[in-house]
Amino acid sequence: MDKKALLAVVLSVAVLILYQFYLAPKPAPVPSTPAAGQAAPAAQKAATPAVAPAAALSQGTQPAAQHIVTVETDQYVARFSTVGGVPEYWMLKKYRGATKQTKNRNVVILEPGSSLPPLSLGLVSDFDAAHLNFSLASGTTDLKLDKSHPEGKIVFEYSSGQALIRRTYTFHNGQYRVDLKDEVKGFPSYTITLGPDFGIYSREGGRGIHVGPVLLSGTDRIEVSHKKVEHGSVSYTQDVKWIAQEDKYFCSALVPHSKMDEAVAFMQSGNPVIAFRTKNPSVEKFAIYAGPKKQSDLAALGSGLQYIVDFGIFSIISRPILWLLKLIHSGVGNYGWSIVLLTLLIRIPFLPLVAKGQKSMKKLQMIQPLMQEIRQKYKKDPQRMQREMMDIYKKHKVNPMGGCLPMLLQIPVFFALYKVLLISIALRGAPFALWITDLSQKDPYYVLPVVMGITMFIQQKLTPVSTGNPAQQKLMLIMPVIFTIMFMNFASGLVLYWLVNNLLSVAQQIYINKKVIV
């Protein structure tokens, strides 16, 4: 009975992991974004209906030559264009590519040529201000911020008759935050978008990783997929605190200072896009975030922006684990050894429970001859058989489910740590030792998964067998092979955790096998 329950638990974990990596639906394929100036499809027009104009925007005022303003801080380099008064390029100085081809190049979360530039405005119709010619306010020049010059501004202005737009960006050295103030006059509505590309470095998110628009409505984190908006726009009006574009490790976000009427998601050039919209605008203020999905930096902006990092249903466990991992790293200086120490610390609270479960299984193994006699003797009387078996359990103080409880309690911890190691940017590019140069990537030579499989096999051989069913015994011995194959594509940091956990289990099982007597 105990072995069947234990087998069910192990198989359940395997199925969950297998589903997550091999059977879960893949993110919808994302078409490449058309070059600047290429017409957006008709579906986008249908998704964002025009508003009757209260003041006409001038036509034919495109600049003879656009002017670019460059902003550099210790965190990023960004370029802004007078066409639309929007950013056209954003490069992060402290992050490099994750592949051999890109490891010497900085991460760029906005490339020039977007079909709908980020922070484009719609004031009369569909993002009609995105291609207007703005002028630079007097004194606006390129900015290079540092400790001696920690703050700077660039100001874009547009006017036509009674219509006025004044965009003020404020930059802060040492932060990924940018403040935006839009002063508008003579327009019936105001729409601002992050566009389809801003904040996304890679669309190869992998299974279980969302890439694209996301928002926080009340306390609900809502991901906008292709499927949600492929047939038209979707409006969100219930206490939308922020909108964002995300990939696995990076994001851009827009946090309004005052309540907007709605957030609208729609399709733009084959990609989901999200925007804020409000009526009767005058002065609209936002905090913009463009950078890594780093908890401390995101939380500093308020409005729950840190919840853009999705730890799943076990987030209540994941967040303390991440905090503890970073705390250990601050003293150790290596995330690989930090994972080893974290595994030890996580294991400590479970030691008494695991020991009790292992003792229970050991005792179950030792009373198997008695159990077999009862099964044979009362095989035609199941009720009597159950009573006699329960008497044996009570006599020898054995809990038939005792071996399962420790594993059941550790499952949430495992999946919480799995999420931390899967999506935490702290592990991105973090080396361990020798050939393990990135704990967020799989082991390139599969050494860790194979060693992990061997330790799991040893653990299975040492674990007392509480059933005489040969088929179940063989299946349990096959499990290390199944897990080894699955773990070959896991982040090496997660495999390292499982390996260390197995080694601790083996050591504890050897101790229990020597000490327990019935």
Protein backbone atom coordinates (compact mmCIF):
# COMPACT_ATOMS: atom_id res chain seq x y z
CA MET A 1 0.00 0.00 0.00
CA ASP A 2 2.78 2.43 0.96
CA LYS A 3 4.79 1.56 -2.14
CA LYS A 4 1.80 2.12 -4.40
CA ALA A 5 1.16 5.53 -2.88
CA LEU A 6 4.83 6.45 -3.12
CA LEU A 7 4.88 5.30 -6.74
CA ALA A 8 1.81 7.43 -7.44
CA VAL A 9 3.51 10.49 -5.97
CA VAL A 10 6.71 9.95 -7.98
CA LEU A 11 4.74 9.40 -11.17
CA SER A 12 2.67 12.52 -10.48
CA VAL A 13 5.83 14.62 -10.16
CA ALA A 14 7.18 13.10 -13.36
CA VAL A 15 3.93 13.80 -15.22
CA LEU A 16 3.87 17.42 -14.02
CA ILE A 17 7.44 18.00 -15.14
CA LEU A 18 6.88 16.14 -18.41
CA TYR A 19 3.76 18.19 -19.14
CA GLN A 20 5.49 21.47 -18.34
CA PHE A 21 8.38 20.86 -20.72
CA TYR A 22 7.08 18.59 -23.43
CA LEU A 23 3.27 18.59 -23.57
CA ALA A 24 2.17 22.08 -22.51
CA PRO A 25 0.98 24.25 -25.41
CA LYS A 26 3.77 26.23 -27.01
CA PRO A 27 3.47 30.01 -27.24
CA ALA A 28 1.93 31.03 -30.52
CA PRO A 29 4.53 31.69 -33.23
CA VAL A 30 5.28 35.38 -33.57
CA PRO A 31 5.69 36.82 -37.06
CA SER A 32 8.56 39.18 -37.65
CA THR A 33 7.72 42.84 -37.29
CA PRO A 34 7.45 44.77 -40.57
CA ALA A 35 9.96 47.47 -41.26
CA ALA A 36 9.19 51.07 -40.41
CA GLY A 37 6.72 52.61 -42.76
CA GLN A 38 5.15 49.32 -43.81
CA ALA A 39 1.39 49.44 -43.58
CA ALA A 40 -0.27 47.72 -40.64
CA PRO A 41 -2.95 45.14 -41.48
CA ALA A 42 -6.60 46.09 -41.60
CA ALA A 43 -7.28 44.13 -38.41
CA GLN A 44 -5.38 46.72 -36.40
CA LYS A 45 -7.56 49.49 -37.74
CA ALA A 46 -10.67 47.58 -36.80
CA ALA A 47 -9.29 47.00 -33.31
CA THR A 48 -8.78 50.69 -32.53
CA PRO A 49 -11.70 52.68 -33.95
CA ALA A 50 -11.17 56.34 -34.65
CA VAL A 51 -12.60 59.06 -32.42
CA ALA A 52 -14.38 62.05 -33.93
CA PRO A 53 -11.77 64.83 -33.90
CA ALA A 54 -12.14 67.93 -31.78
CA ALA A 55 -8.99 69.49 -33.17
CA ALA A 56 -7.28 68.53 -36.42
CA LEU A 57 -3.64 67.53 -36.42
CA SER A 58 -1.64 69.21 -39.14
CA GLN A 59 -0.89 67.15 -42.20
CA GLY A 60 2.22 67.34 -44.35
CA THR A 61 4.46 68.53 -41.53
CA GLN A 62 6.92 65.62 -41.58
CA PRO A 63 10.49 66.77 -40.86
CA ALA A 64 12.99 67.21 -43.64
CA ALA A 65 15.38 65.19 -41.46
CA GLN A 66 14.58 63.60 -38.14
CA HIS A 67 16.69 64.57 -35.17
CA ILE A 68 17.94 61.97 -32.70
CA VAL A 69 18.64 62.67 -29.03
CA THR A 70 20.86 60.17 -27.19
CA VAL A 71 20.53 59.46 -23.49
CA GLU A 72 23.21 57.47 -21.65
CA THR A 73 23.20 56.43 -18.01
CA ASP A 74 25.22 53.80 -16.19
CA GLN A 75 22.39 51.33 -16.93
CA TYR A 76 21.43 51.91 -20.56
CA VAL A 77 21.81 53.86 -23.78
CA ALA A 78 18.61 55.07 -25.46
CA ARG A 79 17.91 57.11 -28.57
CA PHE A 80 14.82 59.29 -29.01
CA SER A 81 13.44 60.62 -32.28
CA THR A 82 11.71 63.92 -32.97
CA VAL A 83 9.30 61.91 -35.14
CA GLY A 84 6.59 61.13 -32.63
CA GLY A 85 8.78 62.18 -29.69
CA VAL A 86 9.39 58.50 -28.96
CA PRO A 87 12.32 56.14 -28.26
CA GLU A 88 13.65 54.19 -31.25
CA TYR A 89 16.52 52.27 -29.62
CA TRP A 90 17.24 50.94 -26.10
CA MET A 91 20.37 49.03 -25.10
CA LEU A 92 21.15 47.65 -21.64
CA LYS A 93 24.79 48.14 -20.68
CA LYS A 94 25.03 45.49 -17.95
CA TYR A 95 23.54 42.52 -19.81
CA ARG A 96 24.99 40.50 -22.67
CA GLY A 97 23.57 37.86 -24.97
CA ALA A 98 23.27 34.29 -23.70
CA THR A 99 24.62 32.40 -26.74
CA LYS A 100 28.11 32.01 -28.16
CA GLN A 101 27.14 34.31 -31.02
CA THR A 102 25.74 37.06 -28.78
CA LYS A 103 27.71 36.82 -25.53
CA ASN A 104 29.93 39.74 -26.58
CA ARG A 105 26.99 41.96 -27.54
CA ASN A 106 24.81 43.97 -25.20
CA VAL A 107 21.13 43.16 -24.82
CA VAL A 108 18.98 45.46 -26.96
CA ILE A 109 15.30 45.60 -25.95
CA LEU A 110 14.29 48.02 -28.72
CA GLU A 111 15.61 48.07 -32.27
CA PRO A 112 14.95 50.90 -34.76
CA GLY A 113 12.20 50.34 -37.32
CA SER A 114 9.24 49.26 -35.21
CA SER A 115 5.91 49.45 -37.06
CA LEU A 116 4.45 51.13 -33.96
CA PRO A 117 7.13 52.82 -31.84
CA PRO A 118 6.78 52.61 -28.06
CA LEU A 119 5.04 55.48 -26.28
CA SER A 120 3.31 56.50 -29.53
CA LEU A 121 0.24 58.68 -28.97
CA GLY A 122 -3.24 58.57 -30.41
CA LEU A 123 -5.13 61.82 -29.86
CA VAL A 124 -7.76 61.96 -32.59
CA SER A 125 -7.50 58.58 -34.32
CA ASP A 126 -5.23 55.54 -34.36
CA PHE A 127 -1.83 56.68 -33.02
CA ASP A 128 -2.00 59.69 -35.29
CA ALA A 129 0.76 61.48 -33.36
CA ALA A 130 3.27 58.67 -33.94
CA HIS A 131 4.61 60.29 -37.13
CA LEU A 132 4.23 63.95 -36.28
CA ASN A 133 7.22 66.23 -36.38
CA PHE A 134 8.08 67.34 -32.86
CA SER A 135 10.61 70.03 -32.13
CA LEU A 136 13.11 69.98 -29.31
CA ALA A 137 12.52 72.51 -26.56
CA SER A 138 15.19 75.12 -26.07
CA GLY A 139 18.21 73.71 -24.26
CA THR A 140 17.41 70.06 -25.02
CA THR A 141 20.60 68.20 -25.95
CA ASP A 142 22.11 64.74 -25.69
CA LEU A 143 22.39 63.54 -22.10
CA LYS A 144 25.15 61.63 -20.37
CA LEU A 145 24.27 61.00 -16.75
CA ASP A 146 26.60 59.86 -13.99
CA LYS A 147 27.05 60.35 -10.26
CA SER A 148 27.91 64.00 -10.70
CA HIS A 149 24.94 64.55 -13.05
CA PRO A 150 22.32 62.08 -11.77
CA GLU A 151 19.25 63.52 -13.51
CA GLY A 152 18.37 64.99 -16.90
CA LYS A 153 15.41 65.84 -19.14
CA ILE A 154 14.53 65.97 -22.80
CA VAL A 155 11.45 67.85 -23.98
CA PHE A 156 9.55 67.44 -27.27
CA GLU A 157 6.93 69.97 -28.40
CA TYR A 158 4.28 70.06 -31.10
CA SER A 159 1.70 72.76 -31.79
CA SER A 160 -0.83 73.42 -34.55
CA GLY A 161 -3.45 76.10 -34.00
CA GLN A 162 -5.19 75.27 -30.74
CA ALA A 163 -3.58 71.82 -30.56
CA LEU A 164 -0.57 71.36 -28.26
CA ILE A 165 1.55 68.40 -27.19
CA ARG A 166 4.50 68.73 -24.83
CA ARG A 167 6.36 65.55 -23.84
CA THR A 168 8.86 65.69 -20.98
CA TYR A 169 11.07 62.68 -20.22
CA THR A 170 13.04 62.67 -16.97
CA PHE A 171 15.94 60.23 -16.61
CA HIS A 172 17.66 59.04 -13.42
CA ASN A 173 21.17 57.67 -13.30
CA GLY A 174 21.40 54.28 -11.59
CA GLN A 175 17.75 53.44 -12.35
CA TYR A 176 15.82 51.79 -15.15
CA ARG A 177 12.97 54.17 -14.40
CA VAL A 178 12.06 57.05 -16.70
CA ASP A 179 9.34 59.57 -15.83
CA LEU A 180 7.06 60.82 -18.60
CA LYS A 181 4.76 63.84 -18.47
CA ASP A 182 2.46 64.49 -21.44
CA GLU A 183 0.74 67.88 -21.51
CA VAL A 184 -1.94 67.88 -24.21
CA LYS A 185 -4.49 70.48 -25.25
CA GLY A 186 -7.27 70.46 -27.81
CA PHE A 187 -7.77 66.69 -28.16
CA PRO A 188 -10.80 64.53 -27.28
CA SER A 189 -8.91 61.45 -26.15
CA TYR A 190 -5.48 60.13 -25.27
CA THR A 191 -4.02 56.72 -26.07
CA ILE A 192 -0.46 55.61 -25.34
CA THR A 193 1.08 52.24 -26.17
CA LEU A 194 4.24 50.27 -25.47
CA GLY A 195 4.18 49.01 -29.05
CA PRO A 196 4.88 45.38 -30.08
CA ASP A 197 8.64 45.25 -29.48
CA PHE A 198 9.73 47.40 -26.54
CA GLY A 199 11.13 45.36 -23.65
CA ILE A 200 11.40 42.11 -25.59
CA TYR A 201 14.92 40.83 -26.20
CA SER A 202 13.95 37.31 -27.26
CA ARG A 203 10.63 35.82 -28.30
CA GLU A 204 11.98 32.32 -27.68
CA GLY A 205 10.40 32.05 -24.26
CA GLY A 206 10.07 28.27 -24.09
CA ARG A 207 7.25 26.29 -22.57
CA GLY A 208 5.61 27.90 -19.58
CA ILE A 209 7.12 31.31 -20.37
CA HIS A 210 4.88 34.13 -21.56
CA VAL A 211 6.19 36.57 -24.16
CA GLY A 212 4.15 39.66 -25.00
CA PRO A 213 1.68 42.01 -23.29
CA VAL A 214 0.70 41.57 -19.67
CA LEU A 215 -1.20 43.75 -17.18
CA LEU A 216 -2.20 43.89 -13.53
CA SER A 217 -5.95 44.33 -13.00
CA GLY A 218 -6.63 44.61 -9.29
CA THR A 219 -4.66 41.66 -7.96
CA ASP A 220 -4.91 39.59 -11.14
CA ARG A 221 -1.92 39.24 -13.44
CA ILE A 222 -3.39 38.88 -16.93
CA GLU A 223 -1.37 37.68 -19.89
CA VAL A 224 -2.53 38.81 -23.33
CA SER A 225 -2.06 36.08 -25.92
CA HIS A 226 -2.57 36.01 -29.68
CA LYS A 227 -5.74 33.99 -29.15
CA LYS A 228 -7.35 36.65 -26.96
CA VAL A 229 -7.08 39.42 -29.53
CA GLU A 230 -6.98 37.64 -32.88
CA HIS A 231 -10.66 38.44 -33.52
CA GLY A 232 -10.67 42.00 -32.18
CA SER A 233 -9.64 44.27 -29.33
CA VAL A 234 -10.16 43.45 -25.66
CA SER A 235 -10.78 46.16 -23.04
CA TYR A 236 -9.78 46.01 -19.36
CA THR A 237 -11.38 48.59 -17.07
CA GLN A 238 -11.14 47.12 -13.58
CA ASP A 239 -8.39 48.93 -11.64
CA VAL A 240 -5.56 48.43 -14.15
CA LYS A 241 -2.40 49.32 -12.24
CA TRP A 242 0.13 48.83 -15.07
CA ILE A 243 0.61 47.45 -18.55
CA ALA A 244 3.80 45.83 -19.81
CA GLN A 245 5.58 43.88 -22.51
CA GLU A 246 7.71 40.97 -21.27
CA ASP A 247 9.91 38.12 -22.26
CA LYS A 248 11.62 35.62 -19.96
CA TYR A 249 14.12 38.04 -18.42
CA PHE A 250 13.33 41.59 -19.64
CA CYS A 251 10.35 43.91 -19.86
CA SER A 252 9.02 47.39 -20.46
CA ALA A 253 6.18 48.74 -18.36
CA LEU A 254 3.96 51.78 -18.10
CA VAL A 255 2.66 52.75 -14.65
CA PRO A 256 0.17 55.67 -14.64
CA HIS A 257 0.16 58.19 -11.81
CA SER A 258 -3.61 58.61 -12.09
CA LYS A 259 -6.38 56.23 -13.10
CA MET A 260 -6.82 55.62 -16.82
CA ASP A 261 -10.23 54.82 -18.29
CA GLU A 262 -9.14 51.51 -19.77
CA ALA A 263 -6.35 49.34 -21.08
CA VAL A 264 -6.92 48.02 -24.59
CA ALA A 265 -5.23 44.99 -26.16
CA PHE A 266 -5.25 44.52 -29.94
CA MET A 267 -3.22 43.14 -32.84
CA GLN A 268 -0.56 45.22 -34.56
CA SER A 269 1.37 43.79 -37.50
CA GLY A 270 0.76 40.25 -36.29
CA ASN A 271 1.72 40.92 -32.66
CA PRO A 272 -0.46 41.54 -29.58
CA VAL A 273 -0.12 45.14 -28.35
CA ILE A 274 -1.48 46.89 -25.29
CA ALA A 275 -2.28 50.55 -24.66
CA PHE A 276 -3.79 52.87 -22.06
CA ARG A 277 -6.68 55.10 -23.08
CA THR A 278 -8.52 57.96 -21.39
CA LYS A 279 -10.88 60.78 -22.38
CA ASN A 280 -10.47 64.55 -22.03
CA PRO A 281 -6.72 64.54 -21.40
CA SER A 282 -4.78 67.47 -19.97
CA VAL A 283 -1.68 66.30 -18.06
CA GLU A 284 -0.90 62.58 -18.03
CA LYS A 285 2.03 61.25 -15.99
CA PHE A 286 3.67 57.83 -16.07
CA ALA A 287 6.60 55.92 -14.68
CA ILE A 288 8.28 53.92 -17.43
CA TYR A 289 10.41 50.86 -16.71
CA ALA A 290 12.67 49.37 -19.37
CA GLY A 291 15.17 46.77 -18.22
CA PRO A 292 15.66 43.42 -16.48
CA LYS A 293 12.91 41.71 -14.49
CA LYS A 294 14.74 42.37 -11.26
CA GLN A 295 12.50 42.23 -8.20
CA SER A 296 14.03 45.10 -6.23
CA ASP A 297 14.02 47.52 -9.18
CA LEU A 298 10.46 46.60 -10.17
CA ALA A 299 9.14 46.92 -6.62
CA ALA A 300 10.65 50.40 -6.33
CA LEU A 301 8.15 51.71 -8.90
CA GLY A 302 5.21 50.63 -6.75
CA SER A 303 1.78 49.56 -8.02
CA GLY A 304 2.80 45.92 -7.68
CA LEU A 305 5.07 45.98 -10.72
CA GLN A 306 7.21 43.24 -9.14
CA TYR A 307 4.37 40.82 -9.90
CA ILE A 308 5.31 40.93 -13.55
CA VAL A 309 7.72 38.17 -12.46
CA ASP A 310 5.35 35.20 -12.39
CA PHE A 311 6.31 32.55 -9.85
CA GLY A 312 3.08 30.63 -10.36
CA ILE A 313 0.83 29.07 -7.73
CA PHE A 314 3.69 28.59 -5.26
CA SER A 315 4.81 32.22 -5.35
CA ILE A 316 4.32 32.48 -1.57
CA ILE A 317 7.20 29.99 -1.29
CA SER A 318 9.21 31.13 -4.33
CA ARG A 319 9.71 34.71 -3.18
CA PRO A 320 11.29 33.82 0.20
CA ILE A 321 13.45 31.20 -1.56
CA LEU A 322 14.70 33.83 -4.03
CA TRP A 323 15.40 36.25 -1.18
CA LEU A 324 17.33 33.54 0.70
CA LEU A 325 19.28 32.55 -2.44
CA LYS A 326 20.36 36.15 -3.00
CA LEU A 327 21.28 36.52 0.67
CA ILE A 328 23.52 33.44 0.49
CA HIS A 329 25.04 34.67 -2.77
CA SER A 330 25.92 38.00 -1.18
CA GLY A 331 28.24 36.09 1.13
CA VAL A 332 29.38 33.24 -1.13
CA GLY A 333 29.70 35.12 -4.44
CA ASN A 334 28.83 32.08 -6.60
CA TYR A 335 25.26 31.09 -7.41
CA GLY A 336 26.22 27.43 -7.89
CA TRP A 337 27.54 27.08 -4.35
CA SER A 338 24.64 29.25 -3.19
CA ILE A 339 22.24 26.64 -4.62
CA VAL A 340 24.16 23.90 -2.78
CA LEU A 341 23.87 25.76 0.54
CA LEU A 342 20.24 26.66 -0.17
CA THR A 343 19.48 22.96 -0.72
CA LEU A 344 21.04 22.15 2.65
CA LEU A 345 19.01 24.85 4.40
CA ILE A 346 15.77 23.78 2.72
CA ARG A 347 16.47 20.18 3.65
CA ILE A 348 16.97 20.88 7.37
CA PRO A 349 13.27 21.44 8.26
CA PHE A 350 12.38 18.18 6.50
CA LEU A 351 15.07 16.05 8.16
CA PRO A 352 12.89 14.71 11.02
CA LEU A 353 9.96 14.10 8.69
CA VAL A 354 12.10 12.41 6.02
CA ALA A 355 13.79 10.27 8.68
CA LYS A 356 10.41 9.22 10.04
CA GLY A 357 9.22 8.31 6.54
CA GLN A 358 12.39 6.34 5.80
CA LYS A 359 12.06 4.48 9.10
CA SER A 360 8.46 3.67 8.27
CA MET A 361 9.47 2.23 4.91
CA LYS A 362 12.27 0.24 6.51
CA LYS A 363 9.86 -1.26 9.00
CA LEU A 364 7.37 -1.97 6.25
CA GLN A 365 10.03 -3.93 4.43
CA MET A 366 10.88 -5.92 7.53
CA ILE A 367 7.27 -6.94 8.22
CA GLN A 368 6.60 -7.95 4.61
CA PRO A 369 6.85 -11.71 5.38
CA LEU A 370 4.08 -11.31 7.96
CA MET A 371 1.97 -9.30 5.53
CA GLN A 372 2.40 -11.94 2.84
CA GLU A 373 1.22 -14.65 5.23
CA ILE A 374 -1.91 -12.64 6.00
CA ARG A 375 -2.60 -12.05 2.31
CA GLN A 376 -2.36 -15.76 1.58
CA LYS A 377 -4.30 -16.83 4.64
CA TYR A 378 -7.23 -14.44 4.16
CA LYS A 379 -7.22 -13.92 0.40
CA LYS A 380 -10.87 -15.00 0.24
CA ASP A 381 -11.89 -12.68 3.08
CA PRO A 382 -10.72 -9.11 2.20
CA GLN A 383 -12.30 -7.51 5.26
CA ARG A 384 -10.57 -9.91 7.65
CA MET A 385 -7.33 -9.38 5.71
CA GLN A 386 -7.54 -5.61 6.24
CA ARG A 387 -8.22 -6.01 9.98
CA GLU A 388 -5.28 -8.37 10.42
CA MET A 389 -2.97 -6.07 8.45
CA MET A 390 -4.00 -3.07 10.55
CA ASP A 391 -3.26 -5.08 13.69
CA ILE A 392 0.25 -5.77 12.36
CA TYR A 393 0.72 -2.04 11.64
CA LYS A 394 -0.37 -1.13 15.17
CA LYS A 395 1.73 -3.83 16.80
CA HIS A 396 4.89 -2.70 15.04
CA LYS A 397 3.98 1.01 15.10
CA VAL A 398 4.12 1.39 11.35
CA ASN A 399 2.27 4.02 9.31
CA PRO A 400 1.64 2.60 5.81
CA MET A 401 1.55 6.12 4.38
CA GLY A 402 4.55 7.37 6.33
CA GLY A 403 6.93 7.18 3.37
CA CYS A 404 4.76 9.39 1.16
CA LEU A 405 4.15 12.38 3.41
CA PRO A 406 7.73 13.79 3.26
CA MET A 407 7.70 13.67 -0.54
CA LEU A 408 4.24 15.26 -0.72
CA LEU A 409 5.36 18.15 1.49
CA GLN A 410 8.50 18.70 -0.58
CA ILE A 411 6.66 18.92 -3.92
CA PRO A 412 5.55 22.59 -3.44
CA VAL A 413 9.10 23.51 -2.40
CA PHE A 414 10.51 21.79 -5.47
CA PHE A 415 8.18 23.57 -7.88
CA ALA A 416 8.71 26.89 -6.12
CA LEU A 417 12.48 26.51 -6.47
CA TYR A 418 12.00 25.30 -10.04
CA LYS A 419 10.26 28.58 -10.88
CA VAL A 420 12.96 30.62 -9.16
CA LEU A 421 15.74 28.90 -11.10
CA LEU A 422 13.76 29.01 -14.35
CA ILE A 423 12.88 32.71 -14.53
CA SER A 424 15.09 34.58 -12.06
CA ILE A 425 17.39 36.94 -13.96
CA ALA A 426 19.91 36.55 -11.13
CA LEU A 427 20.75 33.10 -12.57
CA ARG A 428 21.00 34.34 -16.17
CA GLY A 429 24.63 34.03 -17.21
CA ALA A 430 25.69 33.05 -13.67
CA PRO A 431 28.63 30.58 -13.77
CA PHE A 432 29.23 27.72 -11.35
CA ALA A 433 32.47 25.87 -12.11
CA LEU A 434 34.36 24.25 -14.97
CA TRP A 435 32.02 23.76 -17.97
CA ILE A 436 28.91 25.14 -16.19
CA THR A 437 29.12 28.76 -17.29
CA ASP A 438 25.40 29.60 -17.11
CA LEU A 439 23.18 28.09 -14.43
CA SER A 440 20.04 29.18 -16.30
CA GLN A 441 20.98 27.00 -19.30
CA LYS A 442 21.14 23.22 -19.64
CA ASP A 443 24.43 21.41 -19.05
CA PRO A 444 26.07 21.42 -22.51
CA TYR A 445 27.71 18.03 -21.89
CA TYR A 446 24.85 16.49 -19.84
CA VAL A 447 27.23 15.56 -17.02
CA LEU A 448 25.03 16.88 -14.21
CA PRO A 449 21.85 15.10 -15.41
CA VAL A 450 23.71 11.79 -15.78
CA VAL A 451 25.30 12.06 -12.32
CA MET A 452 21.90 13.05 -10.93
CA GLY A 453 20.38 9.92 -12.53
CA ILE A 454 23.08 7.73 -10.99
CA THR A 455 22.43 9.15 -7.50
CA MET A 456 18.70 8.63 -8.01
CA PHE A 457 19.35 4.99 -8.98
CA ILE A 458 21.48 4.49 -5.87
CA GLN A 459 18.73 6.06 -3.78
CA GLN A 460 16.16 3.66 -5.28
CA LYS A 461 18.38 0.65 -4.53
CA LEU A 462 18.85 1.79 -0.94
CA THR A 463 15.17 2.55 -0.37
CA PRO A 464 13.45 -0.35 1.38
CA VAL A 465 11.00 -2.28 -0.81
CA SER A 466 7.68 -2.56 0.98
CA THR A 467 5.98 -4.69 -1.66
CA GLY A 468 6.75 -7.96 -3.33
CA ASN A 469 5.32 -6.87 -6.68
CA PRO A 470 8.19 -7.31 -9.21
CA ALA A 471 6.51 -5.02 -11.77
CA GLN A 472 6.40 -2.11 -9.31
CA GLN A 473 10.01 -2.70 -8.30
CA LYS A 474 11.14 -2.62 -11.93
CA LEU A 475 9.14 0.55 -12.59
CA MET A 476 10.77 2.28 -9.63
CA LEU A 477 14.19 1.38 -11.03
CA ILE A 478 13.22 2.80 -14.44
CA MET A 479 12.30 6.16 -12.90
CA PRO A 480 15.96 7.36 -12.68
CA VAL A 481 16.29 6.83 -16.44
CA ILE A 482 13.10 8.80 -17.12
CA PHE A 483 14.18 11.64 -14.84
CA THR A 484 17.66 11.74 -16.37
CA ILE A 485 16.22 12.16 -19.86
CA MET A 486 13.83 14.90 -18.70
CA PHE A 487 16.50 16.76 -16.75
CA MET A 488 18.83 16.93 -19.75
CA ASN A 489 16.91 20.00 -20.94
CA PHE A 490 16.50 21.60 -17.51
CA ALA A 491 18.47 24.58 -16.27
CA SER A 492 21.72 23.28 -14.78
CA GLY A 493 20.93 25.17 -11.58
CA LEU A 494 17.80 23.06 -11.07
CA VAL A 495 19.68 19.84 -11.85
CA LEU A 496 22.32 20.87 -9.33
CA TYR A 497 19.64 21.31 -6.68
CA TRP A 498 18.15 17.87 -7.41
CA LEU A 499 21.60 16.26 -7.40
CA VAL A 500 22.53 17.70 -4.01
CA ASN A 501 19.11 16.75 -2.64
CA ASN A 502 19.63 13.16 -3.86
CA LEU A 503 23.05 12.97 -2.21
CA LEU A 504 21.56 14.10 1.09
CA SER A 505 18.76 11.54 0.74
CA VAL A 506 21.29 8.76 0.03
CA ALA A 507 23.35 9.68 3.10
CA GLN A 508 20.25 9.80 5.29
CA GLN A 509 18.94 6.49 3.92
CA ILE A 510 22.25 4.74 4.61
CA TYR A 511 22.08 5.99 8.19
CA ILE A 512 18.47 4.86 8.63
CA ASN A 513 19.15 1.41 7.13
CA LYS A 514 21.92 0.84 9.69
CA LYS A 515 20.03 2.14 12.71
CA VAL A 516 16.45 0.96 12.34
CA ILE A 517 15.44 -2.31 13.97
CA VAL A 518 11.94 -3.61 14.51
